[in-house]
Amino acid sequence: DYYYDPTKMQWIHWQQEVQTYVPADEVIFSKIMVHTFNTVRLKTLLKMHVQRRKPIMFIGSAGTQTPIELVRQLIDYGSIFDRDHLEEKKYIEDLLFVSSMNHKAGSFYVDLRLMRHYSVFTFFTPTQDMLKTIYCSILGGHFSTFDQSIQKLTDKLITSSIFLFNKVLRDPEFSPSAKKFHYQFNLRELSKVVEGIMNAQPQNYRQAPGKICKLWVHECKRVFEDRMISKEDICLLYTSPSPRDRQKSRMPSSA
């Protein structure tokens, strides 16, 4: 969680390097970036590797990489042959490989002759506090031009959205199966709820926090309920967990 600053001769927490999120006008939701100490840390590592021209690999749910022998050849020799003119050898310059690998899907093995060139880092799943910080910053920025009564709802809307997201993510009844093959839930669903709320415009919700709450309900139904295949699953979606289950949900996952 800390890095050593040789100029100050002291250890500094990464959180101190996180810049405050400043919302931009008319930005595409998928392009919004809210930095956390994790993203700042990984960005710094990436910059260091680019400066030293060292390949780097991130392992997480961001993507997947297939072991290709051609990649190893490019890194080893910095050159390839033209298949149409085998007598010609082409040298590749100013090329650096930054790769990603999904730890839950695809091939789990990459040729060690290729992996030896990489520095490997892991993307950790965002904690609940991180998710709340990210989405509260985004929605709070959008609500900055709304009435104070609506701005106060930011924290509650995000907390409720994360609670519902965790419900479908952790309850085994919402796991994919032969009948529920489309029960695939990830952070995109949480983002869709927030993105839907951000379609609201201030002039349509003056002194109307209740309308914003109805909008949130509508977005949750659109994103989660519309995926359900039975009334039983819909009822389960909105059933509050028992105190015992609620205590389990607070326990950190071993995944």
Protein backbone atom coordinates (compact mmCIF):
# COMPACT_ATOMS: atom_id res chain seq x y z
CA ASP A 1 0.00 0.00 0.00
CA TYR A 2 3.06 2.26 0.22
CA TYR A 3 5.92 3.25 -2.06
CA TYR A 4 9.30 4.68 -1.22
CA ASP A 5 10.06 8.22 -2.39
CA PRO A 6 13.87 8.57 -2.62
CA THR A 7 13.63 12.38 -2.83
CA LYS A 8 11.70 12.66 0.44
CA MET A 9 13.44 9.65 2.02
CA GLN A 10 10.16 8.23 3.31
CA TRP A 11 7.35 5.78 2.60
CA ILE A 12 4.20 7.34 1.13
CA HIS A 13 0.73 5.80 0.86
CA TRP A 14 -0.54 5.44 -2.69
CA GLN A 15 -3.79 7.11 -1.68
CA GLN A 16 -1.95 10.41 -1.44
CA GLU A 17 -1.28 10.23 -5.18
CA VAL A 18 -4.94 9.81 -6.14
CA GLN A 19 -6.32 12.86 -7.92
CA THR A 20 -9.80 14.10 -7.10
CA TYR A 21 -12.36 13.16 -9.74
CA VAL A 22 -13.54 16.17 -11.76
CA PRO A 23 -16.63 15.44 -13.91
CA ALA A 24 -16.45 16.52 -17.53
CA ASP A 25 -19.34 17.80 -19.62
CA GLU A 26 -20.94 15.50 -22.20
CA VAL A 27 -18.56 12.60 -21.60
CA ILE A 28 -19.34 9.03 -22.71
CA PHE A 29 -20.05 6.95 -19.61
CA SER A 30 -17.73 4.11 -20.65
CA LYS A 31 -14.89 6.63 -20.95
CA ILE A 32 -15.22 7.91 -17.38
CA MET A 33 -12.20 7.12 -15.25
CA VAL A 34 -12.20 7.49 -11.48
CA HIS A 35 -8.76 6.77 -10.06
CA THR A 36 -8.16 4.75 -6.91
CA PHE A 37 -4.86 3.93 -5.27
CA ASN A 38 -4.92 0.62 -7.19
CA THR A 39 -5.15 2.29 -10.60
CA VAL A 40 -2.51 4.85 -9.65
CA ARG A 41 -0.20 2.07 -8.49
CA LEU A 42 -0.65 0.01 -11.65
CA LYS A 43 -0.30 3.08 -13.86
CA THR A 44 3.01 3.87 -12.19
CA LEU A 45 4.25 0.32 -12.72
CA LEU A 46 3.19 0.48 -16.37
CA LYS A 47 5.04 3.77 -16.85
CA MET A 48 8.20 2.32 -15.30
CA HIS A 49 8.10 -0.67 -17.66
CA VAL A 50 7.48 1.48 -20.71
CA GLN A 51 10.50 3.63 -19.82
CA ARG A 52 12.65 0.52 -19.49
CA ARG A 53 11.03 -1.22 -22.49
CA LYS A 54 10.11 -4.23 -20.39
CA PRO A 55 7.00 -6.30 -21.34
CA ILE A 56 4.32 -6.33 -18.66
CA MET A 57 1.28 -8.55 -18.08
CA PHE A 58 -1.79 -7.84 -15.96
CA ILE A 59 -3.84 -10.80 -14.74
CA GLY A 60 -7.47 -10.21 -13.86
CA SER A 61 -10.89 -9.97 -15.50
CA ALA A 62 -9.79 -7.32 -18.00
CA GLY A 63 -9.06 -9.69 -20.86
CA THR A 64 -7.20 -12.77 -22.05
CA GLN A 65 -3.99 -13.57 -23.86
CA THR A 66 -3.32 -16.56 -26.08
CA PRO A 67 0.20 -17.99 -26.09
CA ILE A 68 1.48 -17.18 -29.56
CA GLU A 69 4.94 -18.32 -30.54
CA LEU A 70 5.27 -15.33 -32.84
CA VAL A 71 5.10 -13.00 -29.83
CA ARG A 72 8.01 -14.84 -28.21
CA GLN A 73 10.00 -14.60 -31.44
CA LEU A 74 9.38 -10.87 -31.68
CA ILE A 75 10.51 -10.30 -28.11
CA ASP A 76 13.52 -12.62 -28.41
CA TYR A 77 14.85 -11.48 -31.77
CA GLY A 78 13.02 -8.24 -32.58
CA SER A 79 12.49 -9.46 -36.13
CA ILE A 80 10.25 -11.58 -38.36
CA PHE A 81 10.46 -13.06 -41.86
CA ASP A 82 8.16 -12.13 -44.73
CA ARG A 83 6.13 -15.23 -45.64
CA ASP A 84 5.96 -14.21 -49.29
CA HIS A 85 9.66 -13.36 -49.47
CA LEU A 86 11.47 -15.57 -46.99
CA GLU A 87 14.80 -14.05 -47.91
CA GLU A 88 13.64 -10.77 -46.39
CA LYS A 89 14.07 -10.24 -42.68
CA LYS A 90 12.09 -7.41 -41.12
CA TYR A 91 13.25 -5.74 -37.92
CA ILE A 92 10.53 -4.44 -35.62
CA GLU A 93 11.32 -1.26 -33.71
CA ASP A 94 9.52 0.79 -31.06
CA LEU A 95 7.22 -2.09 -30.10
CA LEU A 96 6.42 -2.96 -26.48
CA PHE A 97 4.03 -5.68 -25.35
CA VAL A 98 1.47 -4.94 -22.64
CA SER A 99 -0.72 -8.01 -22.15
CA SER A 100 -3.68 -9.07 -20.06
CA MET A 101 -4.93 -12.48 -19.03
CA ASN A 102 -8.26 -13.64 -17.64
CA HIS A 103 -7.75 -15.86 -14.61
CA LYS A 104 -11.19 -17.49 -14.94
CA ALA A 105 -11.56 -18.21 -18.66
CA GLY A 106 -9.54 -19.15 -21.70
CA SER A 107 -6.16 -20.83 -21.57
CA PHE A 108 -4.48 -20.88 -18.16
CA TYR A 109 -1.09 -21.82 -19.52
CA VAL A 110 1.33 -19.56 -21.33
CA ASP A 111 4.63 -20.86 -22.69
CA LEU A 112 7.31 -20.25 -20.05
CA ARG A 113 9.71 -19.13 -22.77
CA LEU A 114 7.31 -16.27 -23.39
CA MET A 115 6.41 -15.59 -19.76
CA ARG A 116 10.05 -15.17 -18.74
CA HIS A 117 10.10 -11.85 -20.59
CA TYR A 118 7.19 -10.40 -18.61
CA SER A 119 6.72 -8.76 -15.28
CA VAL A 120 3.40 -10.12 -14.02
CA PHE A 121 0.97 -8.16 -11.82
CA THR A 122 -2.49 -9.02 -10.54
CA PHE A 123 -5.62 -6.91 -10.77
CA PHE A 124 -7.53 -7.31 -7.53
CA THR A 125 -11.31 -7.22 -7.50
CA PRO A 126 -12.42 -3.77 -6.28
CA THR A 127 -13.45 -3.71 -2.64
CA GLN A 128 -16.85 -2.42 -1.56
CA ASP A 129 -15.27 0.84 -0.43
CA MET A 130 -13.59 1.27 -3.82
CA LEU A 131 -16.84 0.63 -5.68
CA LYS A 132 -18.64 3.12 -3.49
CA THR A 133 -15.93 5.73 -4.01
CA ILE A 134 -15.94 5.26 -7.78
CA TYR A 135 -19.69 5.33 -8.36
CA CYS A 136 -20.42 8.00 -5.76
CA SER A 137 -17.86 10.23 -7.49
CA ILE A 138 -19.48 9.65 -10.88
CA LEU A 139 -23.12 10.03 -9.79
CA GLY A 140 -22.27 12.85 -7.37
CA GLY A 141 -20.64 14.75 -10.22
CA HIS A 142 -23.79 14.38 -12.32
CA PHE A 143 -26.04 15.44 -9.42
CA SER A 144 -23.95 18.55 -8.73
CA THR A 145 -26.42 20.69 -10.73
CA PHE A 146 -29.51 19.13 -9.10
CA ASP A 147 -31.37 20.26 -6.00
CA GLN A 148 -29.72 19.62 -2.64
CA SER A 149 -32.43 17.09 -1.76
CA ILE A 150 -31.38 14.95 -4.71
CA GLN A 151 -27.66 15.38 -4.13
CA LYS A 152 -28.16 13.86 -0.68
CA LEU A 153 -29.47 10.67 -2.30
CA THR A 154 -26.15 9.87 -4.00
CA ASP A 155 -24.74 7.77 -1.18
CA LYS A 156 -27.98 5.85 -0.59
CA LEU A 157 -28.55 5.11 -4.28
CA ILE A 158 -25.02 3.77 -4.76
CA THR A 159 -25.09 1.76 -1.53
CA SER A 160 -28.42 0.19 -2.53
CA SER A 161 -27.16 -0.54 -6.05
CA ILE A 162 -24.04 -2.27 -4.73
CA PHE A 163 -26.17 -4.29 -2.30
CA LEU A 164 -28.41 -5.52 -5.12
CA PHE A 165 -25.39 -6.23 -7.31
CA ASN A 166 -23.80 -8.35 -4.57
CA LYS A 167 -27.10 -10.20 -4.15
CA VAL A 168 -27.11 -11.51 -7.73
CA LEU A 169 -23.35 -12.03 -7.69
CA ARG A 170 -23.15 -14.16 -4.55
CA ASP A 171 -26.48 -15.97 -4.34
CA PRO A 172 -26.09 -19.45 -5.94
CA GLU A 173 -29.65 -19.21 -7.26
CA PHE A 174 -28.40 -16.57 -9.70
CA SER A 175 -25.48 -18.63 -10.94
CA PRO A 176 -25.43 -19.69 -14.63
CA SER A 177 -27.03 -23.04 -15.47
CA ALA A 178 -28.58 -24.81 -18.45
CA LYS A 179 -31.80 -22.80 -18.02
CA LYS A 180 -30.09 -19.69 -16.70
CA PHE A 181 -27.16 -19.56 -19.09
CA HIS A 182 -27.59 -15.78 -19.43
CA TYR A 183 -27.24 -15.19 -15.70
CA GLN A 184 -23.84 -13.62 -16.19
CA PHE A 185 -23.39 -10.64 -13.87
CA ASN A 186 -20.37 -8.39 -13.51
CA LEU A 187 -19.55 -4.73 -12.92
CA ARG A 188 -21.14 -3.81 -16.25
CA GLU A 189 -24.56 -4.30 -14.63
CA LEU A 190 -23.71 -1.94 -11.81
CA SER A 191 -22.45 0.58 -14.34
CA LYS A 192 -25.65 0.27 -16.38
CA VAL A 193 -27.77 1.20 -13.36
CA VAL A 194 -25.69 4.31 -12.66
CA GLU A 195 -25.53 5.23 -16.34
CA GLY A 196 -29.32 5.00 -16.57
CA ILE A 197 -29.78 7.32 -13.60
CA MET A 198 -27.39 9.79 -15.21
CA ASN A 199 -29.82 10.24 -18.10
CA ALA A 200 -31.88 12.37 -15.71
CA GLN A 201 -31.80 16.13 -16.29
CA PRO A 202 -32.14 18.73 -13.50
CA GLN A 203 -35.12 20.55 -15.03
CA ASN A 204 -37.20 17.35 -14.89
CA TYR A 205 -36.52 16.58 -11.23
CA ARG A 206 -36.77 19.89 -9.38
CA GLN A 207 -37.58 19.23 -5.71
CA ALA A 208 -38.54 15.68 -6.66
CA PRO A 209 -36.27 13.18 -4.89
CA GLY A 210 -39.09 10.64 -5.05
CA LYS A 211 -38.94 10.68 -8.85
CA ILE A 212 -35.20 9.95 -8.73
CA CYS A 213 -35.89 6.98 -6.47
CA LYS A 214 -38.49 5.72 -8.96
CA LEU A 215 -35.93 6.13 -11.73
CA TRP A 216 -33.45 4.05 -9.73
CA VAL A 217 -36.09 1.32 -9.25
CA HIS A 218 -36.79 1.37 -12.99
CA GLU A 219 -33.10 0.99 -13.85
CA CYS A 220 -32.66 -1.89 -11.40
CA LYS A 221 -35.67 -3.65 -12.89
CA ARG A 222 -34.33 -3.07 -16.40
CA VAL A 223 -30.83 -4.34 -15.61
CA PHE A 224 -31.54 -7.16 -13.14
CA GLU A 225 -35.21 -8.14 -13.07
CA ASP A 226 -35.60 -8.31 -16.84
CA ARG A 227 -32.95 -11.05 -16.85
CA MET A 228 -34.93 -13.27 -14.47
CA ILE A 229 -36.72 -16.27 -15.99
CA SER A 230 -39.23 -16.94 -13.20
CA LYS A 231 -41.33 -15.20 -10.58
CA GLU A 232 -39.43 -17.14 -7.92
CA ASP A 233 -36.15 -15.56 -8.98
CA ILE A 234 -37.74 -12.11 -9.07
CA CYS A 235 -39.07 -12.56 -5.53
CA LEU A 236 -35.68 -13.81 -4.38
CA LEU A 237 -34.01 -10.78 -5.94
CA TYR A 238 -35.96 -8.44 -3.65
CA THR A 239 -35.95 -10.64 -0.55
CA SER A 240 -33.87 -9.22 2.28
CA PRO A 241 -31.22 -11.62 3.60
CA SER A 242 -31.40 -13.03 7.10
CA PRO A 243 -29.01 -11.61 9.73
CA ARG A 244 -26.88 -14.74 9.33
CA ASP A 245 -26.68 -14.35 5.55
CA ARG A 246 -25.98 -10.63 5.95
CA GLN A 247 -23.06 -11.48 8.24
CA LYS A 248 -21.72 -13.92 5.63
CA SER A 249 -21.93 -11.27 2.92
CA ARG A 250 -19.55 -9.08 4.93
CA MET A 251 -16.91 -11.81 5.04
CA PRO A 252 -14.11 -11.40 2.47
CA SER A 253 -14.21 -13.80 -0.45
CA SER A 254 -11.42 -16.35 -0.76
CA ALA A 255 -11.52 -16.08 -4.57
